[in-house]
Protein backbone atom coordinates (compact mmCIF):
# COMPACT_ATOMS: atom_id res chain seq x y z
CA MET A 1 0.00 0.00 0.00
CA ALA A 2 2.80 2.37 0.95
CA LEU A 3 4.65 1.52 -2.27
CA ARG A 4 1.55 2.26 -4.37
CA PHE A 5 1.13 5.60 -2.57
CA ILE A 6 4.78 6.54 -3.23
CA VAL A 7 4.42 5.62 -6.91
CA PHE A 8 1.24 7.73 -7.10
CA ILE A 9 2.99 10.75 -5.54
CA LEU A 10 5.95 10.36 -7.92
CA LEU A 11 3.65 10.23 -10.92
CA MET A 12 1.84 13.34 -9.71
CA LEU A 13 5.10 15.18 -9.23
CA THR A 14 6.37 14.09 -12.61
CA GLY A 15 3.21 15.37 -14.23
CA PHE A 16 3.44 18.61 -12.29
CA ILE A 17 7.10 19.17 -13.20
CA SER A 18 6.58 18.46 -16.89
CA LYS A 19 3.68 20.89 -17.04
CA ALA A 20 5.91 23.84 -17.96
CA SER A 21 3.19 26.00 -19.42
CA PHE A 22 4.62 28.69 -21.73
CA GLU A 23 8.09 28.72 -20.25
CA PHE A 24 10.33 31.04 -22.24
CA SER A 25 13.30 28.86 -21.35
CA THR A 26 16.91 29.38 -22.36
CA ASN A 27 16.49 27.00 -25.28
CA CYS A 28 13.36 28.83 -26.44
CA LYS A 29 15.04 32.20 -26.14
CA ASN A 30 18.06 30.94 -28.06
CA ALA A 31 15.80 29.51 -30.74
CA TYR A 32 13.83 32.74 -31.07
CA TYR A 33 17.07 34.74 -31.19
CA GLU A 34 18.35 32.58 -34.05
CA VAL A 35 15.06 32.98 -35.90
CA MET A 36 15.57 36.74 -35.76
CA ASN A 37 19.09 36.23 -37.14
CA LEU A 38 17.65 34.01 -39.91
CA ARG A 39 19.68 31.00 -38.78
CA LEU A 40 16.67 28.71 -38.85
CA ASP A 41 18.45 25.34 -38.73
CA LEU A 42 20.14 26.39 -35.50
CA ALA A 43 16.77 27.54 -34.14
CA ARG A 44 15.34 24.08 -34.90
CA GLN A 45 18.17 22.45 -32.94
CA TYR A 46 17.38 24.50 -29.84
CA ILE A 47 13.71 23.63 -30.14
CA GLU A 48 14.49 19.91 -30.30
CA LYS A 49 16.62 20.27 -27.17
CA GLU A 50 13.73 21.96 -25.38
CA ARG A 51 11.26 19.31 -26.55
CA ALA A 52 13.50 16.59 -25.11
CA LEU A 53 13.98 18.41 -21.79
CA ASN A 54 10.49 19.82 -21.37
CA PRO A 55 7.96 18.15 -23.71
CA ALA A 56 5.00 19.98 -22.14
CA ASN A 57 6.34 23.48 -22.84
CA SER A 58 3.81 25.10 -25.20
CA MET A 59 6.25 27.87 -26.07
CA VAL A 60 7.82 25.33 -28.42
CA TYR A 61 4.82 25.51 -30.74
CA LEU A 62 4.99 29.27 -31.01
CA ILE A 63 8.72 29.25 -31.86
CA GLU A 64 8.16 26.46 -34.39
CA ASN A 65 5.61 28.66 -36.10
CA TYR A 66 8.10 31.52 -36.20
CA ILE A 67 10.53 29.18 -37.97
CA ASP A 68 7.93 28.23 -40.59
CA TYR A 69 6.90 31.86 -41.02
CA PHE A 70 10.39 33.21 -41.66
CA TYR A 71 11.31 30.18 -43.76
CA ILE A 72 8.40 30.83 -46.13
CA LEU A 73 9.12 34.58 -46.17
CA ALA A 74 12.76 33.91 -47.09
CA SER A 75 12.17 31.12 -49.61
CA ASP A 76 8.88 32.41 -51.09
CA ASN A 77 8.11 28.78 -51.83
CA LYS A 78 4.40 28.16 -52.48
CA ILE A 79 4.90 24.38 -52.32
CA GLU A 80 6.44 24.69 -48.85
CA PHE A 81 3.66 27.05 -47.82
CA ASP A 82 1.02 24.49 -48.85
CA LYS A 83 2.90 21.73 -47.03
CA LEU A 84 3.56 23.63 -43.79
CA LYS A 85 0.24 25.41 -43.29
CA LYS A 86 -1.31 22.25 -41.86
CA ASN A 87 0.94 22.77 -38.82
CA LYS A 88 -1.14 25.77 -37.78
CA SER A 89 -4.17 23.84 -36.49
CA ILE A 90 -1.98 21.23 -34.75
CA ARG A 91 -0.07 23.92 -32.85
CA LEU A 92 -3.17 25.87 -31.92
CA SER A 93 -4.80 22.69 -30.62
CA LYS A 94 -1.82 21.98 -28.37
CA ILE A 95 -1.66 25.56 -27.07
CA SER A 96 -5.41 25.94 -26.46
CA ALA A 97 -5.32 22.82 -24.26
CA ASP A 98 -2.76 24.39 -21.97
CA SER A 99 -3.21 26.66 -18.97
CA LYS A 100 -5.12 29.89 -19.62
CA ASP A 101 -3.41 31.60 -16.70
CA SER A 102 -0.53 33.01 -18.72
CA PRO A 103 -0.19 36.14 -20.86
CA TYR A 104 1.35 33.87 -23.49
CA TYR A 105 -1.83 31.75 -23.80
CA LEU A 106 -3.77 34.16 -26.03
CA PHE A 107 -0.64 35.88 -27.31
CA ALA A 108 0.80 32.68 -28.79
CA GLN A 109 -2.47 31.83 -30.54
CA ALA A 110 -2.80 35.38 -31.87
CA GLU A 111 0.75 35.38 -33.21
CA ILE A 112 0.25 32.09 -35.04
CA ASN A 113 -2.99 33.37 -36.60
CA LEU A 114 -1.35 36.67 -37.55
CA GLN A 115 1.67 35.03 -39.15
CA TRP A 116 -0.43 32.69 -41.27
CA SER A 117 -2.80 35.50 -42.25
CA LEU A 118 0.15 37.50 -43.61
CA LEU A 119 1.43 34.48 -45.53
CA ARG A 120 -2.01 33.68 -46.93
CA GLY A 121 -2.39 37.25 -48.13
CA ARG A 122 0.85 36.78 -50.05
CA TYR A 123 -0.64 33.75 -51.84
CA GLN A 124 -4.08 35.28 -52.39
CA GLU A 125 -5.99 33.19 -49.82
CA TYR A 126 -7.85 36.33 -48.81
CA VAL A 127 -10.94 34.91 -47.09
CA THR A 128 -9.00 32.68 -44.70
CA SER A 129 -6.50 35.48 -44.16
CA ALA A 130 -9.30 37.86 -43.11
CA LEU A 131 -10.69 35.33 -40.63
CA GLU A 132 -7.24 34.81 -39.12
CA ILE A 133 -6.79 38.57 -38.81
CA LYS A 134 -10.09 38.70 -36.92
CA ARG A 135 -8.97 35.95 -34.53
CA ALA A 136 -5.56 37.54 -33.94
CA TYR A 137 -7.08 40.99 -33.42
CA ASN A 138 -9.70 39.78 -30.93
CA MET A 139 -7.22 37.67 -28.97
CA LEU A 140 -4.72 40.50 -28.68
CA GLN A 141 -7.44 42.93 -27.62
CA GLU A 142 -8.60 40.52 -24.92
CA ASN A 143 -5.03 39.83 -23.78
CA THR A 144 -4.33 43.55 -23.55
CA GLU A 145 -7.32 43.97 -21.23
CA LYS A 146 -6.16 41.06 -19.08
CA TYR A 147 -2.44 41.92 -19.11
CA PRO A 148 -1.97 45.60 -20.02
CA GLU A 149 1.68 45.51 -18.90
CA PHE A 150 2.50 42.61 -21.22
CA LEU A 151 4.39 44.59 -23.85
CA PRO A 152 4.48 41.91 -26.59
CA ASN A 153 0.72 42.43 -27.08
CA TYR A 154 1.41 45.74 -28.77
CA LYS A 155 3.69 44.25 -31.43
CA GLY A 156 0.89 42.40 -33.22
CA LEU A 157 -1.75 45.01 -32.39
CA GLY A 158 0.44 47.80 -33.74
CA MET A 159 1.10 45.96 -36.98
CA LEU A 160 -2.57 45.02 -37.39
CA ASN A 161 -3.73 48.59 -36.87
CA ALA A 162 -1.18 49.97 -39.31
CA VAL A 163 -1.99 47.43 -42.03
CA ILE A 164 -5.78 47.61 -41.62
CA GLY A 165 -5.68 51.40 -41.68
CA SER A 166 -3.79 51.35 -44.98
CA LEU A 167 -6.21 49.01 -46.77
CA PRO A 168 -8.65 50.27 -49.42
CA SER A 169 -11.93 51.50 -47.96
CA GLY A 170 -13.79 48.45 -49.32
CA ALA A 171 -11.46 46.04 -47.54
CA GLN A 172 -11.69 48.09 -44.33
CA LYS A 173 -15.48 47.92 -44.46
CA ALA A 174 -15.36 44.16 -45.01
CA LEU A 175 -13.13 43.71 -41.95
CA GLY A 176 -15.34 46.16 -40.06
CA THR A 177 -18.27 43.77 -40.48
CA LEU A 178 -16.11 41.22 -38.65
CA GLY A 179 -15.54 43.71 -35.83
CA VAL A 180 -11.97 44.49 -36.87
CA ARG A 181 -11.08 48.17 -37.18
CA GLY A 182 -7.68 49.81 -37.29
CA GLY A 183 -5.89 53.06 -37.86
CA THR A 184 -2.51 53.56 -39.47
CA GLU A 185 -1.42 56.40 -37.16
CA LYS A 186 -2.56 54.44 -34.10
CA GLY A 187 -0.60 51.38 -35.20
CA GLU A 188 2.51 53.39 -36.00
CA ARG A 189 2.38 55.14 -32.61
CA MET A 190 1.86 51.81 -30.83
CA LEU A 191 4.93 50.29 -32.47
CA GLU A 192 7.05 53.40 -31.86
CA GLU A 193 6.19 53.36 -28.15
CA LEU A 194 6.90 49.63 -27.99
CA VAL A 195 10.35 50.05 -29.57
CA ASP A 196 11.09 52.81 -27.05
CA ASN A 197 9.92 50.75 -24.05
CA LEU A 198 11.31 47.28 -24.80
CA PRO A 199 15.05 47.90 -24.16
CA GLY A 200 15.88 46.96 -20.58
CA SER A 201 12.43 45.50 -19.96
CA THR A 202 11.45 41.91 -19.20
CA TYR A 203 10.46 41.53 -22.85
CA ASP A 204 13.61 43.00 -24.39
CA ILE A 205 14.00 39.90 -26.56
CA PHE A 206 11.10 41.06 -28.76
CA TYR A 207 12.93 44.23 -29.78
CA ASP A 208 14.35 42.99 -33.09
CA GLU A 209 11.00 41.76 -34.35
CA SER A 210 9.26 44.97 -33.29
CA VAL A 211 11.81 47.04 -35.22
CA PHE A 212 11.24 44.78 -38.23
CA TYR A 213 7.50 45.54 -38.13
CA LEU A 214 8.00 49.25 -37.49
CA SER A 215 10.45 49.57 -40.38
CA GLN A 216 7.87 48.03 -42.73
CA VAL A 217 5.27 50.54 -41.53
CA TRP A 218 7.61 53.53 -41.92
CA VAL A 219 8.83 52.54 -45.38
CA ASN A 220 5.77 50.97 -47.00
CA ILE A 221 2.73 52.47 -45.29
CA THR A 222 3.28 55.89 -43.70
CA LYS A 223 6.25 56.83 -45.93
CA GLU A 224 7.93 58.43 -42.92
CA LYS A 225 10.08 61.33 -44.13
CA ASP A 226 13.07 60.40 -41.97
CA ALA A 227 12.48 56.64 -42.22
CA PHE A 228 16.04 55.75 -43.20
CA ASP A 229 17.76 57.67 -40.40
CA LYS A 230 15.25 56.40 -37.84
CA ILE A 231 15.68 52.80 -38.97
CA ILE A 232 19.47 53.00 -38.83
CA THR A 233 19.21 54.31 -35.25
CA ALA A 234 16.63 51.71 -34.24
CA THR A 235 18.68 48.81 -35.64
CA GLU A 236 21.93 49.77 -33.86
CA ARG A 237 21.06 47.33 -31.07
CA LEU A 238 20.60 44.39 -33.45
CA ASP A 239 23.42 41.86 -33.69
CA ASP A 240 25.84 42.60 -36.55
CA THR A 241 25.68 38.92 -37.49
CA SER A 242 21.92 39.15 -38.04
CA LEU A 243 20.80 38.71 -41.64
CA LEU A 244 17.51 40.31 -40.63
CA LYS A 245 19.42 43.47 -39.67
CA VAL A 246 20.98 43.51 -43.14
CA TYR A 247 17.58 43.13 -44.77
CA ILE A 248 15.92 45.87 -42.67
CA ARG A 249 18.68 48.37 -43.38
CA ALA A 250 19.20 47.49 -47.05
CA TYR A 251 15.49 47.50 -47.85
CA ALA A 252 14.99 50.84 -46.10
CA ALA A 253 17.98 52.32 -47.94
CA TYR A 254 16.78 50.98 -51.29
CA LYS A 255 13.25 52.32 -50.85
CA THR A 256 14.23 55.77 -49.56
CA GLY A 257 16.80 56.86 -52.14
CA HIS A 258 19.92 55.82 -50.20
CA ASN A 259 20.99 53.46 -52.95
CA GLY A 260 24.72 53.46 -52.20
CA ALA A 261 24.04 52.40 -48.61
CA ALA A 262 21.78 49.59 -49.82
CA ILE A 263 24.56 48.25 -52.05
CA SER A 264 27.08 48.46 -49.20
CA TYR A 265 24.84 46.60 -46.72
CA LEU A 266 24.08 43.84 -49.23
CA MET A 267 27.66 43.45 -50.47
CA ASN A 268 28.89 43.09 -46.87
CA ARG A 269 26.17 40.81 -45.57
CA PRO A 270 27.22 37.71 -43.59
CA THR A 271 27.75 34.74 -45.89
CA LYS A 272 28.99 31.97 -43.59
CA SER A 273 27.12 28.70 -43.46
CA GLY A 274 24.15 28.46 -41.13
CA TYR A 275 22.04 31.25 -42.58
CA THR A 276 18.78 30.45 -44.30
CA ASP A 277 18.89 30.93 -48.05
CA TYR A 278 17.40 34.33 -48.85
CA PRO A 279 17.42 34.77 -52.66
CA TYR A 280 15.55 38.07 -52.40
CA LEU A 281 18.75 39.72 -51.19
CA ASP A 282 20.38 38.92 -54.55
CA TYR A 283 17.39 40.44 -56.32
CA LEU A 284 17.59 43.53 -54.11
CA LEU A 285 21.32 43.96 -54.76
CA GLY A 286 20.77 43.59 -58.50
CA MET A 287 18.05 46.23 -58.47
CA ALA A 288 20.14 48.60 -56.36
CA LYS A 289 23.12 48.25 -58.72
CA LEU A 290 20.85 48.85 -61.71
CA ASN A 291 19.60 52.06 -60.08
CA LYS A 292 23.21 53.19 -60.22
CA LEU A 293 23.36 52.14 -63.89
CA ASP A 294 25.87 49.46 -62.95
CA LEU A 295 24.97 46.86 -65.57
CA SER A 296 26.85 44.12 -63.71
CA ALA A 297 23.52 43.96 -61.86
CA ALA A 298 22.70 41.19 -64.33
CA VAL A 299 24.96 38.87 -62.28
CA GLN A 300 22.86 39.23 -59.13
CA LEU A 301 19.58 39.03 -61.07
CA HIS A 302 20.71 35.75 -62.64
CA ASP A 303 21.81 34.55 -59.18
CA PHE A 304 18.31 35.25 -57.93
CA LEU A 305 16.74 33.27 -60.77
CA GLN A 306 19.07 30.35 -60.07
CA SER A 307 18.51 30.24 -56.32
CA THR A 308 14.85 31.17 -55.82
CA ARG A 309 12.41 28.36 -55.24
CA GLY A 310 9.43 30.65 -55.48
CA ALA A 311 7.47 32.09 -58.38
CA SER A 312 7.32 35.75 -57.33
CA LEU A 313 9.51 38.44 -58.90
CA ILE A 314 10.62 36.13 -61.72
CA LYS A 315 8.73 38.09 -64.36
CA ASP A 316 10.02 41.35 -62.91
CA THR A 317 13.59 40.02 -62.91
CA TYR A 318 13.42 38.98 -66.56
CA LEU A 319 11.99 42.40 -67.41
CA HIS A 320 14.98 44.11 -65.81
CA LEU A 321 17.38 41.77 -67.58
CA ALA A 322 15.64 42.85 -70.78
CA TYR A 323 16.17 46.48 -69.81
CA ILE A 324 19.86 45.83 -69.17
CA ALA A 325 20.03 44.35 -72.67
CA ILE A 326 18.47 47.53 -74.12
CA LEU A 327 20.97 49.70 -72.25
CA LYS A 328 23.74 47.55 -73.75
CA GLY A 329 22.21 47.87 -77.21
CA ASP A 330 21.47 44.14 -77.48
CA GLU A 331 18.02 43.88 -79.06
CA VAL A 332 18.22 40.10 -79.53
CA LYS A 333 18.70 39.49 -75.79
CA TYR A 334 16.01 42.05 -75.05
CA ASN A 335 13.47 40.06 -77.06
CA THR A 336 14.60 36.79 -75.49
CA PHE A 337 14.05 38.12 -71.97
CA ILE A 338 10.72 39.74 -72.89
CA THR A 339 9.49 36.32 -74.04
CA LYS A 340 10.49 34.90 -70.64
CA VAL A 341 8.57 37.68 -68.87
CA LYS A 342 5.43 36.43 -70.58
CA LYS A 343 6.06 32.73 -69.98
CA GLU A 344 7.95 32.30 -66.70
CA GLY A 345 6.93 32.82 -63.09
CA ALA A 346 3.59 33.78 -61.56
CA SER A 347 1.62 36.97 -61.01
CA PHE A 348 1.08 37.06 -57.24
CA ASP A 349 3.21 40.16 -56.82
CA GLU A 350 2.16 43.59 -58.10
CA LYS A 351 5.59 43.98 -59.70
CA ASP A 352 5.08 40.83 -61.76
CA LYS A 353 1.71 42.08 -62.97
CA GLN A 354 3.30 45.35 -64.02
CA ALA A 355 6.15 43.47 -65.71
CA ILE A 356 3.63 41.78 -68.00
CA ASN A 357 2.15 45.18 -68.87
CA GLU A 358 5.54 46.75 -69.59
CA ALA A 359 6.65 43.75 -71.65
CA SER A 360 3.65 44.31 -73.92
CA GLU A 361 4.35 48.00 -74.50
CA GLY A 362 7.36 47.64 -76.77
CA GLU A 363 10.93 48.80 -76.32
CA PRO A 364 11.50 51.58 -73.78
CA ASN A 365 13.37 54.76 -74.60
CA PRO A 366 16.96 54.18 -73.33
CA ALA A 367 17.41 57.76 -72.06
CA LEU A 368 14.13 57.71 -70.15
CA LEU A 369 15.02 54.28 -68.80
CA ARG A 370 18.31 55.61 -67.45
CA ALA A 371 16.51 58.59 -65.88
CA ARG A 372 13.98 56.24 -64.31
CA PHE A 373 16.62 54.04 -62.67
CA LEU A 374 18.68 56.99 -61.45
CA PHE A 375 15.59 58.59 -59.96
CA ASP A 376 14.64 55.36 -58.17
CA GLY A 377 18.14 55.25 -56.70
CA GLY A 378 17.94 58.83 -55.42
CA TYR A 379 20.43 60.17 -57.97
CA TYR A 380 18.16 63.10 -58.81
CA ASP A 381 20.77 65.46 -60.29
CA LYS A 382 22.00 62.77 -62.69
CA ALA A 383 18.43 61.94 -63.70
CA LYS A 384 17.73 65.62 -64.30
CA GLU A 385 20.87 65.95 -66.41
CA ILE A 386 19.71 63.15 -68.70
CA LEU A 387 16.24 64.69 -69.05
CA ASN A 388 17.73 68.12 -69.77
CA ASN A 389 19.65 66.62 -72.67
CA GLU A 390 16.50 65.14 -74.19
CA ASN A 391 14.12 66.88 -76.60
CA ALA A 392 10.65 65.46 -76.12
CA ASN A 393 9.48 67.05 -79.36
CA THR A 394 11.59 64.56 -81.29
CA TYR A 395 9.85 61.54 -79.75
CA LYS A 396 7.72 59.68 -82.26
CA GLU A 397 5.75 57.73 -79.66
CA LYS A 398 3.30 59.58 -77.45
CA ARG A 399 4.05 57.36 -74.45
CA TYR A 400 7.63 58.66 -74.45
CA LYS A 401 6.37 62.26 -74.24
CA ILE A 402 4.04 61.37 -71.38
CA GLU A 403 6.81 59.57 -69.50
CA TYR A 404 9.29 62.40 -70.12
CA CYS A 405 6.93 64.93 -68.49
CA TYR A 406 6.21 62.57 -65.60
CA ARG A 407 9.89 61.85 -64.91
CA PHE A 408 10.74 65.56 -64.97
CA GLY A 409 7.87 66.29 -62.61
CA ARG A 410 9.09 63.62 -60.19
CA VAL A 411 12.65 64.99 -60.23
CA PHE A 412 11.44 68.53 -59.51
CA HIS A 413 9.15 67.22 -56.77
CA GLU A 414 11.92 65.35 -54.95
CA THR A 415 14.40 68.23 -55.20
CA GLY A 416 12.02 70.89 -53.89
CA GLY A 417 11.21 72.57 -57.20
CA MET A 418 7.46 72.64 -56.67
CA ALA A 419 6.73 75.11 -59.47
CA GLY A 420 8.48 72.79 -61.92
CA ALA A 421 6.71 69.75 -60.45
CA ILE A 422 3.28 71.37 -60.86
CA LYS A 423 4.11 72.40 -64.42
CA PHE A 424 5.28 68.96 -65.55
CA TYR A 425 2.56 67.06 -63.67
CA ASN A 426 -0.01 69.17 -65.53
CA TYR A 427 1.76 68.41 -68.82
CA THR A 428 1.64 64.71 -67.93
CA ILE A 429 -2.09 64.86 -67.25
CA ALA A 430 -2.77 66.81 -70.43
CA PHE A 431 -0.83 64.36 -72.61
CA GLY A 432 -1.76 61.13 -70.84
CA GLU A 433 -5.21 61.55 -69.30
CA HIS A 434 -6.76 59.04 -71.70
CA SER A 435 -3.81 56.66 -72.06
CA LYS A 436 -3.35 53.21 -70.53
CA TYR A 437 -0.20 54.29 -68.71
CA TYR A 438 -0.25 55.14 -65.00
CA TYR A 439 1.77 58.34 -65.36
CA ALA A 440 -1.12 60.81 -65.66
CA ALA A 441 -3.21 59.31 -62.86
CA ASN A 442 -0.29 59.19 -60.46
CA ALA A 443 0.75 62.71 -61.46
CA ALA A 444 -2.74 63.86 -60.47
CA VAL A 445 -2.39 62.24 -57.04
CA LEU A 446 1.05 63.79 -56.53
CA LEU A 447 -0.31 67.14 -57.65
CA GLY A 448 -3.06 66.77 -55.07
CA ASP A 449 -0.45 66.07 -52.39
CA ILE A 450 1.39 69.29 -53.28
CA TYR A 451 -1.79 71.35 -53.06
CA MET A 452 -2.68 69.62 -49.81
CA ARG A 453 0.62 70.67 -48.21
CA ARG A 454 0.03 74.21 -49.47
CA LYS A 455 -3.45 74.15 -47.87
CA GLN A 456 -5.02 74.74 -51.28
CA TYR A 457 -7.71 72.22 -50.48
CA LYS A 458 -10.06 72.86 -53.39
CA GLN A 459 -7.25 72.35 -55.92
CA ALA A 460 -6.15 69.25 -54.02
CA ALA A 461 -9.66 67.77 -54.18
CA ASP A 462 -9.90 68.55 -57.89
CA SER A 463 -6.61 66.74 -58.52
CA TYR A 464 -7.61 63.68 -56.49
CA ASN A 465 -10.96 63.50 -58.28
CA LYS A 466 -9.18 63.79 -61.62
CA ALA A 467 -7.05 60.77 -60.68
CA ILE A 468 -10.13 58.78 -59.70
CA ASN A 469 -11.88 59.61 -62.97
CA MET A 470 -9.02 58.19 -65.05
CA LYS A 471 -9.78 54.56 -65.87
CA ASN A 472 -8.24 51.53 -67.55
CA HIS A 473 -4.61 52.29 -66.75
CA ASP A 474 -1.80 50.46 -64.96
CA TYR A 475 -1.97 50.40 -61.14
CA GLU A 476 -5.55 51.72 -61.38
CA SER A 477 -6.73 50.22 -58.08
CA SER A 478 -3.78 51.36 -55.94
CA ILE A 479 -3.70 54.87 -57.45
CA GLU A 480 -7.44 55.27 -56.99
CA ASN A 481 -7.11 54.22 -53.34
CA LYS A 482 -4.40 56.86 -52.81
CA ALA A 483 -6.65 59.48 -54.36
CA LYS A 484 -9.59 58.48 -52.16
CA GLU A 485 -7.40 58.67 -49.08
CA GLY A 486 -6.37 62.16 -50.21
CA LEU A 487 -10.03 63.19 -50.52
CA LYS A 488 -10.63 62.04 -46.95
CA ARG A 489 -7.86 64.36 -45.74
CA VAL A 490 -9.31 67.42 -47.48
CA GLU A 491 -12.93 66.68 -46.63
CA GLY A 492 -14.65 69.65 -45.02
CA ARG A 493 -11.67 71.98 -45.51
CA PHE A 494 -13.03 74.09 -48.37
C-alpha cells in the first residue's frame, strides 16, 4: 500500500514538473534569437533540445511557427507554404489545451494566426487570411485587457492597426463587419512606443521583431520622411551577425533613395554557413546596382533566378534583364528576356503584374530608362541631367512624351522645385489623361499632395478626383485608393 502511494505521488510530481506552461526557457530564447538572425536550422536544434527536456512546454509551438513563417518569407516557396500550413491547427490545438493563466496563452495563438494570415495574403488566400486577422485581433485585444503591462501584445496590435488602416476603404469595411477596425497612425504610434519601451524591460528579446515591423510601416505604409535615419538608429542594437538586420537596413535604404548604402549593406552581408537561403537579397542587390546604372547587376539578377524556389519576382527580374540588354544595345537578348517575362513565373506580386504590362508596351526609350533608374536610386541630379539633354518634341511615340513629363515632374518634386513639379505634372495629365499608362493618374495624385501641403484644399480635391476619374490604366486600383485617401484628408476643408 505504501509503495503504491509513493508511486502515485511520484507520478503526480512528474506530471506537475513536466507541465511547464509557456516557459520562455533558455532553449526557447536561443531559438527565437536565431530565428531573428535568420539562422533557422540552428533555431530548430534549440527547439528539439527543449522538446526533449520539457515536452510539455507550449512555447515550443509558437517558436516552431516563427521558424515556418520566416522560412516561407525567405524562400517564397508556395509548395512549402502548402505543405507547412497544416501545422497551424496542430499547434493551436496543443496551445489551447494548456493553462489559460498566462499572458502567453492568447498571445501565442494570436501570433500564429497573424503570421499565417500574412502568408495567406501573399498567396491570395484572402478569405481565410481575413478570418485569421479577426482571430488575432480579438485575442490580442482581450489579452491587452487582461495583461496591459505585457508589452508583446502591442507588437501584433500595432502591426494590425497599421496594415488595416492602410487598406482600401472596401477592404476596411469588409473587416469592419467582422468587428476588426484599425488606424494607421494608431498602429505606428503603438509600435514606436513599444520600440522605445522594450530595451531593458522583461520583454527586451522582442525588440528585433518589433523594429522589423516598425520599419515596414515607416517605409511601405506611412512613408515616414526620416524613415532611413530612424531605422538606422533603431537597428543599432541588433546583432551585426543578423541577416535580418541587413535586410531591414538594405530595404529601407533601397526604398528611400539611399541606394549606395543599400549596395554596401548587401555586399557586406554575412555569408557563412548556417544562414537560411534568402534569394531576395540577390534580387535587391541587383536592383540597387541597376539604379546606379551598374549593368553588372545582371549577375545578381541571374543569381536570384538560379537560387529562388518561389514564383514571385521572376517576371520582374526577366523584365529588368531585358532592360539591361536595351541599355547595352542588345536587341536580340532584349526580345529573349521579354518572351520569358510572358512565360515564366507567376503573377502574385504587383511587380510581376506590371512586368507583363511593360513587356507588352514595346521597347522603352533608353534615355528615359536611365533617368527612371537613377531617380529610383535617389540620384536626382544625374536623372535631371539626362532629361535636360532630351528633346521630347523629337519623340515619335506619345508614351515617351508622357513619360518624359512625368519623370521631370518627379525629379522637380523630390528636389524641392514645386513650381516645376506642378508644371510637368499638368503636362503629364494633359498628354496622358486618356492613355493606358499610369503616369497621368499618379501625377494627379502627386499634384493633389502638393496642393494639400500648401493648404489649397479645393485644388487638391480637384486633382484627387481627376485621378479617380481616369480609368483603364496600370496600377488603377492602388492609385485610386491613394486618391480616395487624399479626398478624406481634405474633406470639409473648403
